[in-house]
Amino acid sequence: MTSNVVDTTSKLIAKLQTLAPEQQQQVLDFVEFIAQKYAQPQQPPQNRVLGLNQGKIWISDDFNEPLPDEFWLDESER
């Protein structure tokens, strides 16, 4: 460990010792949350498989066509 890390750790321990047990538990909960949030994944991500779901979906031929004004202005028949 570098001296900066040791210094920070010492300051943190000193501050923790001045807190009430309930506050120490809150700090512990927060540290565990942070550790879990930034934990490195245990397994490397799997490679994608090209064509795995080929033919399982369908997209309309007019998918990229503009939508009519009625759609945007909410003028549809009710």
C-alpha atoms as a PDB file:
ATOM      1  CA  MET A   1       0.000   0.000   0.000  1.00  0.00           C
ATOM      2  CA  THR A   2       1.115   3.510  -0.664  1.00  0.00           C
ATOM      3  CA  SER A   3       1.513   6.009   2.147  1.00  0.00           C
ATOM      4  CA  ASN A   4      -1.510   7.946   0.848  1.00  0.00           C
ATOM      5  CA  VAL A   5      -3.725   4.854   1.126  1.00  0.00           C
ATOM      6  CA  VAL A   6      -2.395   4.063   4.598  1.00  0.00           C
ATOM      7  CA  ASP A   7      -3.002   7.673   5.685  1.00  0.00           C
ATOM      8  CA  THR A   8      -6.568   7.623   4.329  1.00  0.00           C
ATOM      9  CA  THR A   9      -7.244   4.260   5.954  1.00  0.00           C
ATOM     10  CA  SER A  10      -5.919   5.498   9.303  1.00  0.00           C
ATOM     11  CA  LYS A  11      -8.097   8.617   9.124  1.00  0.00           C
ATOM     12  CA  LEU A  12     -11.129   6.541   8.229  1.00  0.00           C
ATOM     13  CA  ILE A  13     -10.593   4.140  11.132  1.00  0.00           C
ATOM     14  CA  ALA A  14     -10.114   7.041  13.556  1.00  0.00           C
ATOM     15  CA  LYS A  15     -13.370   8.666  12.408  1.00  0.00           C
ATOM     16  CA  LEU A  16     -15.251   5.364  12.577  1.00  0.00           C
ATOM     17  CA  GLN A  17     -14.180   4.824  16.159  1.00  0.00           C
ATOM     18  CA  THR A  18     -15.820   8.118  17.158  1.00  0.00           C
ATOM     19  CA  LEU A  19     -19.227   7.099  15.765  1.00  0.00           C
ATOM     20  CA  ALA A  20     -22.045   5.430  17.654  1.00  0.00           C
ATOM     21  CA  PRO A  21     -22.582   1.717  16.877  1.00  0.00           C
ATOM     22  CA  GLU A  22     -25.709   2.512  14.824  1.00  0.00           C
ATOM     23  CA  GLN A  23     -23.759   4.981  12.714  1.00  0.00           C
ATOM     24  CA  GLN A  24     -20.919   2.494  12.294  1.00  0.00           C
ATOM     25  CA  GLN A  25     -23.459  -0.016  10.967  1.00  0.00           C
ATOM     26  CA  GLN A  26     -24.717   2.567   8.461  1.00  0.00           C
ATOM     27  CA  VAL A  27     -21.161   3.180   7.274  1.00  0.00           C
ATOM     28  CA  LEU A  28     -20.593  -0.570   6.959  1.00  0.00           C
ATOM     29  CA  ASP A  29     -23.812  -0.942   4.945  1.00  0.00           C
ATOM     30  CA  PHE A  30     -22.720   1.866   2.635  1.00  0.00           C
ATOM     31  CA  VAL A  31     -19.231   0.402   2.149  1.00  0.00           C
ATOM     32  CA  GLU A  32     -20.753  -2.980   1.283  1.00  0.00           C
ATOM     33  CA  PHE A  33     -23.101  -1.257  -1.194  1.00  0.00           C
ATOM     34  CA  ILE A  34     -20.180   0.538  -2.864  1.00  0.00           C
ATOM     35  CA  ALA A  35     -18.122  -2.678  -2.989  1.00  0.00           C
ATOM     36  CA  GLN A  36     -21.011  -4.530  -4.638  1.00  0.00           C
ATOM     37  CA  LYS A  37     -21.728  -1.695  -7.083  1.00  0.00           C
ATOM     38  CA  TYR A  38     -18.161  -1.586  -8.361  1.00  0.00           C
ATOM     39  CA  ALA A  39     -17.396  -5.299  -8.117  1.00  0.00           C
ATOM     40  CA  GLN A  40     -15.707  -6.784 -11.149  1.00  0.00           C
ATOM     41  CA  PRO A  41     -17.742  -9.409 -13.003  1.00  0.00           C
ATOM     42  CA  GLN A  42     -16.735 -12.933 -12.073  1.00  0.00           C
ATOM     43  CA  GLN A  43     -17.101 -14.348 -15.582  1.00  0.00           C
ATOM     44  CA  PRO A  44     -16.029 -12.739 -18.817  1.00  0.00           C
ATOM     45  CA  PRO A  45     -18.961 -11.810 -21.057  1.00  0.00           C
ATOM     46  CA  GLN A  46     -19.896 -14.462 -23.573  1.00  0.00           C
ATOM     47  CA  ASN A  47     -19.272 -13.809 -27.251  1.00  0.00           C
ATOM     48  CA  ARG A  48     -22.307 -13.008 -29.360  1.00  0.00           C
ATOM     49  CA  VAL A  49     -23.448 -15.631 -31.821  1.00  0.00           C
ATOM     50  CA  LEU A  50     -24.223 -14.230 -35.250  1.00  0.00           C
ATOM     51  CA  GLY A  51     -27.579 -15.426 -36.606  1.00  0.00           C
ATOM     52  CA  LEU A  52     -28.673 -17.098 -33.361  1.00  0.00           C
ATOM     53  CA  ASN A  53     -32.267 -15.842 -33.632  1.00  0.00           C
ATOM     54  CA  GLN A  54     -32.441 -15.546 -37.394  1.00  0.00           C
ATOM     55  CA  GLY A  55     -35.994 -15.881 -38.697  1.00  0.00           C
ATOM     56  CA  LYS A  56     -37.595 -15.484 -35.249  1.00  0.00           C
ATOM     57  CA  ILE A  57     -38.743 -11.885 -35.708  1.00  0.00           C
ATOM     58  CA  TRP A  58     -40.445  -9.941 -38.480  1.00  0.00           C
ATOM     59  CA  ILE A  59     -40.265  -6.237 -39.311  1.00  0.00           C
ATOM     60  CA  SER A  60     -42.883  -4.580 -41.506  1.00  0.00           C
ATOM     61  CA  ASP A  61     -41.763  -3.338 -44.926  1.00  0.00           C
ATOM     62  CA  ASP A  62     -42.887   0.198 -43.994  1.00  0.00           C
ATOM     63  CA  PHE A  63     -40.964   0.229 -40.710  1.00  0.00           C
ATOM     64  CA  ASN A  64     -38.897   3.272 -41.659  1.00  0.00           C
ATOM     65  CA  GLU A  65     -41.762   5.216 -43.240  1.00  0.00           C
ATOM     66  CA  PRO A  66     -42.892   8.398 -41.436  1.00  0.00           C
ATOM     67  CA  LEU A  67     -45.884   8.063 -39.161  1.00  0.00           C
ATOM     68  CA  PRO A  68     -49.050   9.948 -40.141  1.00  0.00           C
ATOM     69  CA  ASP A  69     -49.928  13.263 -38.469  1.00  0.00           C
ATOM     70  CA  GLU A  70     -52.869  11.566 -36.749  1.00  0.00           C
ATOM     71  CA  PHE A  71     -50.411   9.515 -34.754  1.00  0.00           C
ATOM     72  CA  TRP A  72     -48.558  12.563 -33.436  1.00  0.00           C
ATOM     73  CA  LEU A  73     -51.613  14.797 -32.963  1.00  0.00           C
ATOM     74  CA  ASP A  74     -53.770  12.102 -31.342  1.00  0.00           C
ATOM     75  CA  GLU A  75     -56.482  12.520 -33.960  1.00  0.00           C
ATOM     76  CA  SER A  76     -57.229   8.823 -34.262  1.00  0.00           C
ATOM     77  CA  GLU A  77     -60.778   7.565 -34.418  1.00  0.00           C
ATOM     78  CA  ARG A  78     -62.162   6.607 -31.062  1.00  0.00           C
END
